[in-house]
Amino acid sequence: EWETLLEQVPSATIFSTWEWLGSWWRSFGHGELFVLGFYQAGELIGLAPLCVAERSVAVSVKMKVLCFLGDGSGDSDNLDIIAKSGYEDAVAEALLQHLKALSGPWQLIQLNTMPSGSPVGARLVPHMASREWTTFERSKPASSIDLPDTWKEYLGRLASEDRNNLTRYRKRLSKRHAAKFYKATTRE
């Protein structure tokens, strides 16, 4: 069911698959799994892969935190609440109703690495505001850059100091190690 749902969600990434999250849990997980499935007429329409873990939230302050499964090791990106297209609002509302009804063992909810364009995330904020829940949003720069088509264009975008450093470090690497540099080719 998990895989079938992901096939219907264009924004889903490798970090939303059970293969990734299950492997992550076996390697880094601690606390309690808290995976919620949302169904309509027997069909899985939404999934919230979460866990409850004790975390340091400030100096000398530890709390039980409800967070994404996959968060905390620094190797998962774009963790998200998954919903079939057209069901994002229903999943957001059902998730918040469930969390309020449970009054679970957590003191804080952290949904780190949720993409800014998350379809469910965009609906969570107004639903939380209508309940007068306190929310904080923080964004960090993306860890990727768009590269130009050619190496020459890339070098042209660098500051002269960076171009010089790149040349110097490449020469230093070649002197110290048996390094070979190949020109990349692309197939069109």
N, C-alpha and C. Protein backbone atom coordinates (compact mmCIF):
# COMPACT_ATOMS: atom_id res chain seq x y z
N GLU A 1 0.83 -1.20 0.00
CA GLU A 1 0.00 0.00 0.00
C GLU A 1 0.87 1.26 0.00
N TRP A 2 1.97 1.22 0.78
CA TRP A 2 2.87 2.37 0.88
C TRP A 2 3.39 2.70 -0.51
N GLU A 3 3.90 1.70 -1.23
CA GLU A 3 4.46 1.92 -2.56
C GLU A 3 3.41 2.38 -3.55
N THR A 4 2.23 1.81 -3.46
CA THR A 4 1.14 2.21 -4.36
C THR A 4 0.79 3.68 -4.14
N LEU A 5 0.75 4.11 -2.89
CA LEU A 5 0.48 5.52 -2.60
C LEU A 5 1.58 6.41 -3.17
N LEU A 6 2.83 6.04 -2.96
CA LEU A 6 3.94 6.87 -3.45
C LEU A 6 3.90 7.02 -4.97
N GLU A 7 3.47 5.99 -5.68
CA GLU A 7 3.37 6.07 -7.13
C GLU A 7 2.36 7.13 -7.57
N GLN A 8 1.45 7.50 -6.70
CA GLN A 8 0.40 8.47 -7.02
C GLN A 8 0.71 9.88 -6.52
N VAL A 9 1.90 10.06 -5.94
CA VAL A 9 2.26 11.35 -5.36
C VAL A 9 3.48 11.91 -6.09
N PRO A 10 3.28 12.88 -6.98
CA PRO A 10 4.40 13.41 -7.77
C PRO A 10 5.54 14.01 -6.94
N SER A 11 5.23 14.53 -5.77
CA SER A 11 6.27 15.18 -4.95
C SER A 11 7.05 14.19 -4.09
N ALA A 12 6.68 12.91 -4.09
CA ALA A 12 7.36 11.92 -3.25
C ALA A 12 8.80 11.72 -3.73
N THR A 13 9.70 11.52 -2.77
CA THR A 13 11.11 11.30 -3.08
C THR A 13 11.55 9.96 -2.50
N ILE A 14 12.78 9.60 -2.76
CA ILE A 14 13.35 8.36 -2.21
C ILE A 14 13.26 8.36 -0.69
N PHE A 15 13.28 9.56 -0.09
CA PHE A 15 13.25 9.68 1.37
C PHE A 15 11.87 9.38 1.96
N SER A 16 10.89 9.16 1.10
CA SER A 16 9.55 8.80 1.56
C SER A 16 9.29 7.30 1.45
N THR A 17 10.21 6.56 0.89
CA THR A 17 9.99 5.12 0.70
C THR A 17 10.26 4.35 1.98
N TRP A 18 9.59 3.19 2.11
CA TRP A 18 9.84 2.35 3.27
C TRP A 18 11.27 1.81 3.22
N GLU A 19 11.79 1.58 2.01
CA GLU A 19 13.17 1.08 1.91
C GLU A 19 14.14 2.05 2.58
N TRP A 20 13.97 3.34 2.34
CA TRP A 20 14.85 4.33 2.96
C TRP A 20 14.55 4.44 4.46
N LEU A 21 13.30 4.66 4.78
CA LEU A 21 12.93 4.92 6.18
C LEU A 21 13.12 3.70 7.07
N GLY A 22 12.82 2.52 6.55
CA GLY A 22 13.04 1.30 7.33
C GLY A 22 14.52 1.06 7.60
N SER A 23 15.35 1.27 6.58
CA SER A 23 16.79 1.14 6.76
C SER A 23 17.31 2.19 7.73
N TRP A 24 16.79 3.41 7.60
CA TRP A 24 17.20 4.48 8.51
C TRP A 24 16.85 4.10 9.95
N TRP A 25 15.62 3.59 10.15
CA TRP A 25 15.18 3.24 11.50
C TRP A 25 16.08 2.15 12.10
N ARG A 26 16.41 1.14 11.31
CA ARG A 26 17.26 0.07 11.81
C ARG A 26 18.66 0.58 12.15
N SER A 27 19.14 1.58 11.43
CA SER A 27 20.49 2.11 11.67
C SER A 27 20.55 3.19 12.74
N PHE A 28 19.58 4.10 12.74
CA PHE A 28 19.66 5.27 13.61
C PHE A 28 18.49 5.44 14.56
N GLY A 29 17.42 4.70 14.34
CA GLY A 29 16.20 4.93 15.09
C GLY A 29 16.30 4.60 16.57
N HIS A 30 15.61 5.38 17.34
CA HIS A 30 15.45 5.12 18.76
C HIS A 30 14.12 5.74 19.17
N GLY A 31 13.57 5.28 20.24
CA GLY A 31 12.26 5.77 20.66
C GLY A 31 11.18 4.84 20.15
N GLU A 32 10.06 5.43 19.72
CA GLU A 32 8.91 4.64 19.30
C GLU A 32 8.49 5.02 17.88
N LEU A 33 8.23 4.02 17.06
CA LEU A 33 7.65 4.29 15.74
C LEU A 33 6.24 4.83 15.92
N PHE A 34 5.85 5.75 15.07
CA PHE A 34 4.52 6.35 15.15
C PHE A 34 4.08 6.65 13.72
N VAL A 35 3.81 5.61 12.96
CA VAL A 35 3.45 5.76 11.55
C VAL A 35 1.93 5.72 11.45
N LEU A 36 1.36 6.78 10.87
CA LEU A 36 -0.10 6.88 10.73
C LEU A 36 -0.49 6.72 9.28
N GLY A 37 -1.47 5.87 9.02
CA GLY A 37 -2.05 5.73 7.69
C GLY A 37 -3.45 6.32 7.70
N PHE A 38 -3.79 7.00 6.62
CA PHE A 38 -5.11 7.61 6.49
C PHE A 38 -5.83 6.93 5.33
N TYR A 39 -7.02 6.41 5.60
CA TYR A 39 -7.75 5.61 4.63
C TYR A 39 -9.08 6.25 4.30
N GLN A 40 -9.52 6.03 3.05
CA GLN A 40 -10.87 6.37 2.65
C GLN A 40 -11.39 5.21 1.81
N ALA A 41 -12.49 4.66 2.21
CA ALA A 41 -13.10 3.51 1.53
C ALA A 41 -12.10 2.38 1.34
N GLY A 42 -11.30 2.13 2.37
CA GLY A 42 -10.34 1.03 2.34
C GLY A 42 -9.06 1.29 1.56
N GLU A 43 -8.91 2.49 1.00
CA GLU A 43 -7.72 2.84 0.22
C GLU A 43 -6.83 3.78 1.03
N LEU A 44 -5.53 3.48 1.05
CA LEU A 44 -4.57 4.37 1.72
C LEU A 44 -4.45 5.65 0.90
N ILE A 45 -4.83 6.79 1.52
CA ILE A 45 -4.76 8.08 0.82
C ILE A 45 -3.72 9.00 1.43
N GLY A 46 -3.19 8.64 2.60
CA GLY A 46 -2.19 9.48 3.25
C GLY A 46 -1.35 8.70 4.22
N LEU A 47 -0.15 9.21 4.47
CA LEU A 47 0.79 8.51 5.33
C LEU A 47 1.65 9.55 6.06
N ALA A 48 1.73 9.39 7.37
CA ALA A 48 2.59 10.26 8.19
C ALA A 48 3.62 9.37 8.87
N PRO A 49 4.82 9.24 8.26
CA PRO A 49 5.87 8.39 8.85
C PRO A 49 6.61 9.15 9.96
N LEU A 50 6.20 8.92 11.18
CA LEU A 50 6.72 9.67 12.33
C LEU A 50 7.30 8.72 13.37
N CYS A 51 7.97 9.31 14.35
CA CYS A 51 8.44 8.56 15.51
C CYS A 51 8.49 9.52 16.70
N VAL A 52 8.57 8.97 17.88
CA VAL A 52 8.70 9.76 19.10
C VAL A 52 10.07 9.44 19.68
N ALA A 53 10.89 10.47 19.87
CA ALA A 53 12.24 10.27 20.38
C ALA A 53 12.59 11.38 21.36
N GLU A 54 13.44 11.05 22.32
CA GLU A 54 13.92 12.09 23.24
C GLU A 54 15.06 12.83 22.55
N ARG A 55 14.96 14.16 22.55
CA ARG A 55 15.94 15.00 21.87
C ARG A 55 16.30 16.21 22.72
N SER A 56 17.51 16.68 22.52
CA SER A 56 17.92 17.95 23.13
C SER A 56 17.31 19.06 22.28
N VAL A 57 16.54 19.92 22.91
CA VAL A 57 15.91 21.02 22.18
C VAL A 57 16.54 22.36 22.55
N ALA A 58 17.33 22.37 23.59
CA ALA A 58 18.08 23.55 24.01
C ALA A 58 19.18 23.03 24.95
N VAL A 59 20.06 23.91 25.34
CA VAL A 59 21.12 23.50 26.25
C VAL A 59 20.52 22.93 27.52
N SER A 60 20.86 21.71 27.83
CA SER A 60 20.40 21.00 29.02
C SER A 60 18.89 20.79 29.08
N VAL A 61 18.21 20.87 27.94
CA VAL A 61 16.76 20.66 27.92
C VAL A 61 16.45 19.53 26.95
N LYS A 62 15.93 18.42 27.50
CA LYS A 62 15.52 17.29 26.67
C LYS A 62 14.01 17.16 26.74
N MET A 63 13.44 16.81 25.60
CA MET A 63 11.99 16.61 25.52
C MET A 63 11.71 15.41 24.64
N LYS A 64 10.53 14.84 24.85
CA LYS A 64 10.04 13.84 23.90
C LYS A 64 9.46 14.60 22.72
N VAL A 65 9.95 14.26 21.53
CA VAL A 65 9.60 15.00 20.32
C VAL A 65 8.95 14.06 19.32
N LEU A 66 7.82 14.48 18.76
CA LEU A 66 7.22 13.78 17.64
C LEU A 66 7.87 14.36 16.39
N CYS A 67 8.53 13.51 15.61
CA CYS A 67 9.29 14.00 14.46
C CYS A 67 9.17 13.01 13.31
N PHE A 68 9.67 13.44 12.16
CA PHE A 68 9.66 12.56 11.00
C PHE A 68 10.59 11.38 11.22
N LEU A 69 10.16 10.24 10.80
CA LEU A 69 11.01 9.08 10.69
C LEU A 69 12.06 9.45 9.63
N GLY A 70 13.33 9.33 9.97
CA GLY A 70 14.40 9.73 9.05
C GLY A 70 15.08 11.01 9.45
N ASP A 71 14.53 11.73 10.44
CA ASP A 71 15.12 13.00 10.88
C ASP A 71 16.09 12.78 12.03
N GLY A 72 17.22 13.47 11.98
CA GLY A 72 18.13 13.45 13.11
C GLY A 72 19.52 12.98 12.78
N SER A 73 19.71 12.31 11.65
CA SER A 73 21.05 11.81 11.32
C SER A 73 21.74 12.68 10.27
N GLY A 74 21.03 13.62 9.71
CA GLY A 74 21.62 14.53 8.73
C GLY A 74 21.74 13.97 7.33
N ASP A 75 21.12 12.83 7.06
CA ASP A 75 21.26 12.25 5.73
C ASP A 75 19.93 12.07 4.99
N SER A 76 18.85 12.57 5.54
CA SER A 76 17.54 12.50 4.88
C SER A 76 17.08 13.91 4.55
N ASP A 77 16.57 14.09 3.36
CA ASP A 77 16.04 15.38 2.93
C ASP A 77 14.57 15.21 2.54
N ASN A 78 13.87 16.32 2.49
CA ASN A 78 12.50 16.33 1.98
C ASN A 78 11.61 15.27 2.63
N LEU A 79 11.71 15.15 3.93
CA LEU A 79 10.80 14.27 4.66
C LEU A 79 9.43 14.94 4.67
N ASP A 80 8.40 14.14 4.52
CA ASP A 80 7.10 14.78 4.31
C ASP A 80 5.96 13.87 4.74
N ILE A 81 4.80 14.46 4.88
CA ILE A 81 3.56 13.73 5.07
C ILE A 81 3.01 13.54 3.66
N ILE A 82 2.76 12.31 3.31
CA ILE A 82 2.38 11.96 1.95
C ILE A 82 0.86 11.90 1.85
N ALA A 83 0.31 12.47 0.77
CA ALA A 83 -1.13 12.38 0.54
C ALA A 83 -1.39 12.26 -0.95
N LYS A 84 -2.31 11.41 -1.28
CA LYS A 84 -2.76 11.26 -2.66
C LYS A 84 -3.30 12.61 -3.12
N SER A 85 -3.06 12.93 -4.38
CA SER A 85 -3.51 14.21 -4.94
C SER A 85 -5.02 14.39 -4.72
N GLY A 86 -5.37 15.56 -4.21
CA GLY A 86 -6.77 15.87 -3.92
C GLY A 86 -7.17 15.60 -2.49
N TYR A 87 -6.31 14.91 -1.73
CA TYR A 87 -6.63 14.55 -0.35
C TYR A 87 -5.72 15.26 0.66
N GLU A 88 -4.93 16.21 0.21
CA GLU A 88 -3.97 16.87 1.09
C GLU A 88 -4.64 17.56 2.28
N ASP A 89 -5.73 18.26 2.02
CA ASP A 89 -6.42 18.97 3.11
C ASP A 89 -7.05 17.99 4.09
N ALA A 90 -7.65 16.95 3.57
CA ALA A 90 -8.27 15.95 4.44
C ALA A 90 -7.22 15.25 5.31
N VAL A 91 -6.05 14.95 4.75
CA VAL A 91 -5.00 14.30 5.52
C VAL A 91 -4.46 15.25 6.59
N ALA A 92 -4.25 16.52 6.23
CA ALA A 92 -3.76 17.50 7.22
C ALA A 92 -4.74 17.63 8.37
N GLU A 93 -6.02 17.75 8.07
CA GLU A 93 -7.05 17.89 9.10
C GLU A 93 -7.14 16.64 9.96
N ALA A 94 -7.13 15.47 9.33
CA ALA A 94 -7.21 14.21 10.09
C ALA A 94 -5.99 14.02 10.99
N LEU A 95 -4.82 14.38 10.49
CA LEU A 95 -3.60 14.27 11.29
C LEU A 95 -3.71 15.13 12.55
N LEU A 96 -4.10 16.37 12.39
CA LEU A 96 -4.19 17.26 13.56
C LEU A 96 -5.28 16.81 14.53
N GLN A 97 -6.40 16.34 14.01
CA GLN A 97 -7.46 15.83 14.90
C GLN A 97 -6.94 14.64 15.70
N HIS A 98 -6.21 13.75 15.04
CA HIS A 98 -5.67 12.56 15.71
C HIS A 98 -4.65 12.96 16.77
N LEU A 99 -3.76 13.88 16.44
CA LEU A 99 -2.74 14.31 17.40
C LEU A 99 -3.37 14.97 18.62
N LYS A 100 -4.39 15.78 18.39
CA LYS A 100 -5.06 16.43 19.52
C LYS A 100 -5.79 15.41 20.39
N ALA A 101 -6.46 14.46 19.78
CA ALA A 101 -7.20 13.44 20.53
C ALA A 101 -6.26 12.55 21.34
N LEU A 102 -5.08 12.29 20.82
CA LEU A 102 -4.15 11.40 21.51
C LEU A 102 -3.49 12.04 22.72
N SER A 103 -3.17 13.31 22.58
CA SER A 103 -2.33 13.96 23.60
C SER A 103 -1.18 13.02 23.95
N GLY A 104 -0.46 12.66 22.91
CA GLY A 104 0.58 11.63 22.99
C GLY A 104 1.69 11.89 23.99
N PRO A 105 2.68 11.01 23.99
CA PRO A 105 3.77 11.10 24.95
C PRO A 105 4.81 12.15 24.58
N TRP A 106 4.52 13.01 23.63
CA TRP A 106 5.48 14.03 23.20
C TRP A 106 5.11 15.39 23.78
N GLN A 107 6.13 16.22 23.89
CA GLN A 107 5.92 17.59 24.39
C GLN A 107 6.09 18.62 23.28
N LEU A 108 6.62 18.15 22.13
CA LEU A 108 6.93 19.06 21.03
C LEU A 108 6.81 18.27 19.73
N ILE A 109 6.37 18.95 18.68
CA ILE A 109 6.34 18.35 17.35
C ILE A 109 7.32 19.11 16.48
N GLN A 110 8.27 18.39 15.88
CA GLN A 110 9.24 18.99 14.95
C GLN A 110 9.14 18.27 13.63
N LEU A 111 8.80 19.01 12.59
CA LEU A 111 8.72 18.42 11.26
C LEU A 111 9.86 18.97 10.41
N ASN A 112 11.08 18.60 10.80
CA ASN A 112 12.28 19.09 10.12
C ASN A 112 12.41 18.52 8.72
N THR A 113 13.00 19.25 7.87
CA THR A 113 13.31 18.96 6.46
C THR A 113 12.07 18.83 5.59
N MET A 114 10.91 19.25 6.08
CA MET A 114 9.73 19.24 5.23
C MET A 114 9.95 20.27 4.11
N PRO A 115 9.75 19.87 2.86
CA PRO A 115 9.98 20.82 1.76
C PRO A 115 9.03 22.01 1.83
N SER A 116 9.52 23.17 1.43
CA SER A 116 8.68 24.37 1.48
C SER A 116 7.45 24.22 0.58
N GLY A 117 7.53 23.41 -0.44
CA GLY A 117 6.39 23.20 -1.33
C GLY A 117 5.54 21.98 -0.97
N SER A 118 5.65 21.50 0.25
CA SER A 118 4.91 20.32 0.66
C SER A 118 3.40 20.57 0.55
N PRO A 119 2.70 19.75 -0.23
CA PRO A 119 1.25 19.94 -0.37
C PRO A 119 0.50 19.81 0.96
N VAL A 120 0.87 18.85 1.80
CA VAL A 120 0.20 18.71 3.10
C VAL A 120 0.69 19.79 4.06
N GLY A 121 1.99 20.07 4.04
CA GLY A 121 2.55 21.10 4.91
C GLY A 121 1.88 22.46 4.72
N ALA A 122 1.57 22.79 3.46
CA ALA A 122 0.91 24.08 3.17
C ALA A 122 -0.47 24.14 3.81
N ARG A 123 -1.09 23.00 4.01
CA ARG A 123 -2.42 22.97 4.62
C ARG A 123 -2.38 22.82 6.14
N LEU A 124 -1.28 22.32 6.65
CA LEU A 124 -1.16 22.18 8.10
C LEU A 124 -1.16 23.53 8.80
N VAL A 125 -0.42 24.49 8.25
CA VAL A 125 -0.27 25.79 8.93
C VAL A 125 -1.61 26.47 9.18
N PRO A 126 -2.49 26.63 8.18
CA PRO A 126 -3.79 27.26 8.49
C PRO A 126 -4.64 26.45 9.47
N HIS A 127 -4.57 25.12 9.37
CA HIS A 127 -5.33 24.30 10.32
C HIS A 127 -4.79 24.47 11.74
N MET A 128 -3.48 24.59 11.90
CA MET A 128 -2.90 24.80 13.23
C MET A 128 -3.26 26.19 13.74
N ALA A 129 -3.22 27.18 12.85
CA ALA A 129 -3.57 28.55 13.26
C ALA A 129 -5.03 28.63 13.73
N SER A 130 -5.92 27.91 13.05
CA SER A 130 -7.33 27.95 13.45
C SER A 130 -7.55 27.31 14.82
N ARG A 131 -6.62 26.44 15.23
CA ARG A 131 -6.69 25.81 16.56
C ARG A 131 -5.89 26.60 17.59
N GLU A 132 -5.28 27.68 17.13
CA GLU A 132 -4.42 28.54 17.97
C GLU A 132 -3.22 27.77 18.52
N TRP A 133 -2.68 26.86 17.69
CA TRP A 133 -1.45 26.15 18.05
C TRP A 133 -0.28 27.06 17.70
N THR A 134 0.70 27.07 18.54
CA THR A 134 1.90 27.87 18.29
C THR A 134 2.79 27.13 17.28
N THR A 135 3.19 27.84 16.25
CA THR A 135 4.06 27.23 15.24
C THR A 135 5.27 28.12 15.00
N PHE A 136 6.35 27.49 14.62
CA PHE A 136 7.56 28.20 14.22
C PHE A 136 8.02 27.61 12.91
N GLU A 137 8.39 28.47 12.00
CA GLU A 137 8.87 28.00 10.71
C GLU A 137 10.27 28.55 10.50
N ARG A 138 11.14 27.66 10.06
CA ARG A 138 12.52 28.06 9.82
C ARG A 138 12.95 27.42 8.51
N SER A 139 13.66 28.18 7.70
CA SER A 139 14.14 27.58 6.46
C SER A 139 15.64 27.75 6.37
N LYS A 140 16.25 26.81 5.69
CA LYS A 140 17.68 26.84 5.46
C LYS A 140 17.92 26.80 3.96
N PRO A 141 19.04 27.32 3.52
CA PRO A 141 19.32 27.26 2.08
C PRO A 141 19.41 25.81 1.60
N ALA A 142 19.06 25.60 0.37
CA ALA A 142 19.15 24.27 -0.22
C ALA A 142 20.60 23.83 -0.30
N SER A 143 20.80 22.54 -0.27
CA SER A 143 22.16 22.02 -0.31
C SER A 143 22.57 21.65 -1.73
N SER A 144 21.95 22.26 -2.70
CA SER A 144 22.33 21.98 -4.08
C SER A 144 22.33 23.28 -4.87
N ILE A 145 23.04 23.26 -5.96
CA ILE A 145 23.09 24.43 -6.84
C ILE A 145 22.85 23.95 -8.27
N ASP A 146 22.31 24.81 -9.08
CA ASP A 146 22.15 24.50 -10.49
C ASP A 146 23.49 24.77 -11.17
N LEU A 147 23.98 23.78 -11.88
CA LEU A 147 25.26 23.91 -12.57
C LEU A 147 25.02 24.30 -14.02
N PRO A 148 25.92 25.09 -14.59
CA PRO A 148 25.81 25.43 -16.01
C PRO A 148 26.13 24.20 -16.87
N ASP A 149 25.92 24.34 -18.15
CA ASP A 149 26.11 23.22 -19.07
C ASP A 149 27.57 22.82 -19.25
N THR A 150 28.48 23.77 -19.12
CA THR A 150 29.89 23.45 -19.39
C THR A 150 30.78 23.85 -18.23
N TRP A 151 31.96 23.21 -18.18
CA TRP A 151 32.98 23.54 -17.18
C TRP A 151 33.44 24.99 -17.35
N LYS A 152 33.59 25.40 -18.59
CA LYS A 152 34.03 26.78 -18.89
C LYS A 152 33.03 27.79 -18.31
N GLU A 153 31.75 27.53 -18.49
CA GLU A 153 30.73 28.41 -17.92
C GLU A 153 30.81 28.43 -16.40
N TYR A 154 31.02 27.24 -15.81
CA TYR A 154 31.14 27.16 -14.36
C TYR A 154 32.31 28.01 -13.86
N LEU A 155 33.46 27.85 -14.50
CA LEU A 155 34.64 28.64 -14.10
C LEU A 155 34.37 30.13 -14.26
N GLY A 156 33.63 30.48 -15.31
CA GLY A 156 33.30 31.89 -15.55
C GLY A 156 32.44 32.50 -14.45
N ARG A 157 31.68 31.68 -13.76
CA ARG A 157 30.82 32.16 -12.67
C ARG A 157 31.58 32.34 -11.35
N LEU A 158 32.73 31.70 -11.24
CA LEU A 158 33.51 31.78 -10.00
C LEU A 158 34.25 33.10 -9.90
N ALA A 159 34.45 33.54 -8.68
CA ALA A 159 35.31 34.70 -8.44
C ALA A 159 36.74 34.30 -8.80
N SER A 160 37.57 35.27 -9.17
CA SER A 160 38.94 34.95 -9.60
C SER A 160 39.70 34.20 -8.51
N GLU A 161 39.50 34.56 -7.25
CA GLU A 161 40.18 33.86 -6.14
C GLU A 161 39.77 32.38 -6.10
N ASP A 162 38.49 32.11 -6.31
CA ASP A 162 38.02 30.73 -6.30
C ASP A 162 38.58 29.95 -7.50
N ARG A 163 38.64 30.61 -8.68
CA ARG A 163 39.24 29.94 -9.85
C ARG A 163 40.69 29.59 -9.58
N ASN A 164 41.43 30.53 -8.99
CA ASN A 164 42.85 30.28 -8.67
C ASN A 164 42.99 29.15 -7.65
N ASN A 165 42.15 29.15 -6.63
CA ASN A 165 42.20 28.09 -5.62
C ASN A 165 41.91 26.73 -6.24
N LEU A 166 40.94 26.68 -7.12
CA LEU A 166 40.59 25.43 -7.77
C LEU A 166 41.78 24.88 -8.55
N THR A 167 42.46 25.74 -9.28
CA THR A 167 43.65 25.32 -10.05
C THR A 167 44.76 24.87 -9.09
N ARG A 168 45.00 25.64 -8.05
CA ARG A 168 46.06 25.31 -7.09
C ARG A 168 45.78 23.98 -6.38
N TYR A 169 44.55 23.77 -5.93
CA TYR A 169 44.22 22.54 -5.22
C TYR A 169 44.29 21.32 -6.14
N ARG A 170 43.90 21.50 -7.38
CA ARG A 170 44.00 20.39 -8.34
C ARG A 170 45.46 20.00 -8.55
N LYS A 171 46.33 20.99 -8.70
CA LYS A 171 47.77 20.71 -8.87
C LYS A 171 48.34 20.05 -7.62
N ARG A 172 47.95 20.54 -6.44
CA ARG A 172 48.43 19.97 -5.18
C ARG A 172 47.99 18.52 -5.05
N LEU A 173 46.76 18.23 -5.41
CA LEU A 173 46.26 16.87 -5.35
C LEU A 173 47.06 15.96 -6.28
N SER A 174 47.33 16.44 -7.49
CA SER A 174 48.09 15.64 -8.46
C SER A 174 49.52 15.38 -8.00
N LYS A 175 50.13 16.33 -7.29
CA LYS A 175 51.50 16.14 -6.80
C LYS A 175 51.54 15.12 -5.66
N ARG A 176 50.54 15.12 -4.82
CA ARG A 176 50.54 14.26 -3.63
C ARG A 176 49.99 12.86 -3.89
N HIS A 177 49.15 12.73 -4.89
CA HIS A 177 48.48 11.46 -5.13
C HIS A 177 48.44 11.16 -6.62
N ALA A 178 48.24 9.92 -6.93
CA ALA A 178 48.11 9.52 -8.33
C ALA A 178 46.68 9.82 -8.77
N ALA A 179 46.42 11.04 -9.12
CA ALA A 179 45.07 11.48 -9.48
C ALA A 179 45.00 11.71 -10.99
N LYS A 180 43.89 11.32 -11.56
CA LYS A 180 43.63 11.57 -12.98
C LYS A 180 42.32 12.34 -13.08
N PHE A 181 42.28 13.27 -13.99
CA PHE A 181 41.09 14.06 -14.20
C PHE A 181 40.58 13.79 -15.61
N TYR A 182 39.33 13.47 -15.70
CA TYR A 182 38.73 13.14 -16.99
C TYR A 182 37.71 14.19 -17.35
N LYS A 183 37.61 14.43 -18.59
CA LYS A 183 36.60 15.35 -19.10
C LYS A 183 35.29 14.57 -19.20
N ALA A 184 34.28 15.07 -18.60
CA ALA A 184 32.98 14.39 -18.62
C ALA A 184 32.35 14.57 -19.98
N THR A 185 31.69 13.55 -20.43
CA THR A 185 30.95 13.63 -21.69
C THR A 185 29.50 13.35 -21.39
N THR A 186 28.67 13.93 -22.18
CA THR A 186 27.24 13.69 -22.01
C THR A 186 26.69 13.05 -23.27
N ARG A 187 25.69 12.24 -23.09
CA ARG A 187 25.01 11.63 -24.23
C ARG A 187 23.71 12.37 -24.43
N GLU A 188 23.44 12.68 -25.65
CA GLU A 188 22.19 13.38 -25.95
C GLU A 188 21.31 12.54 -26.83
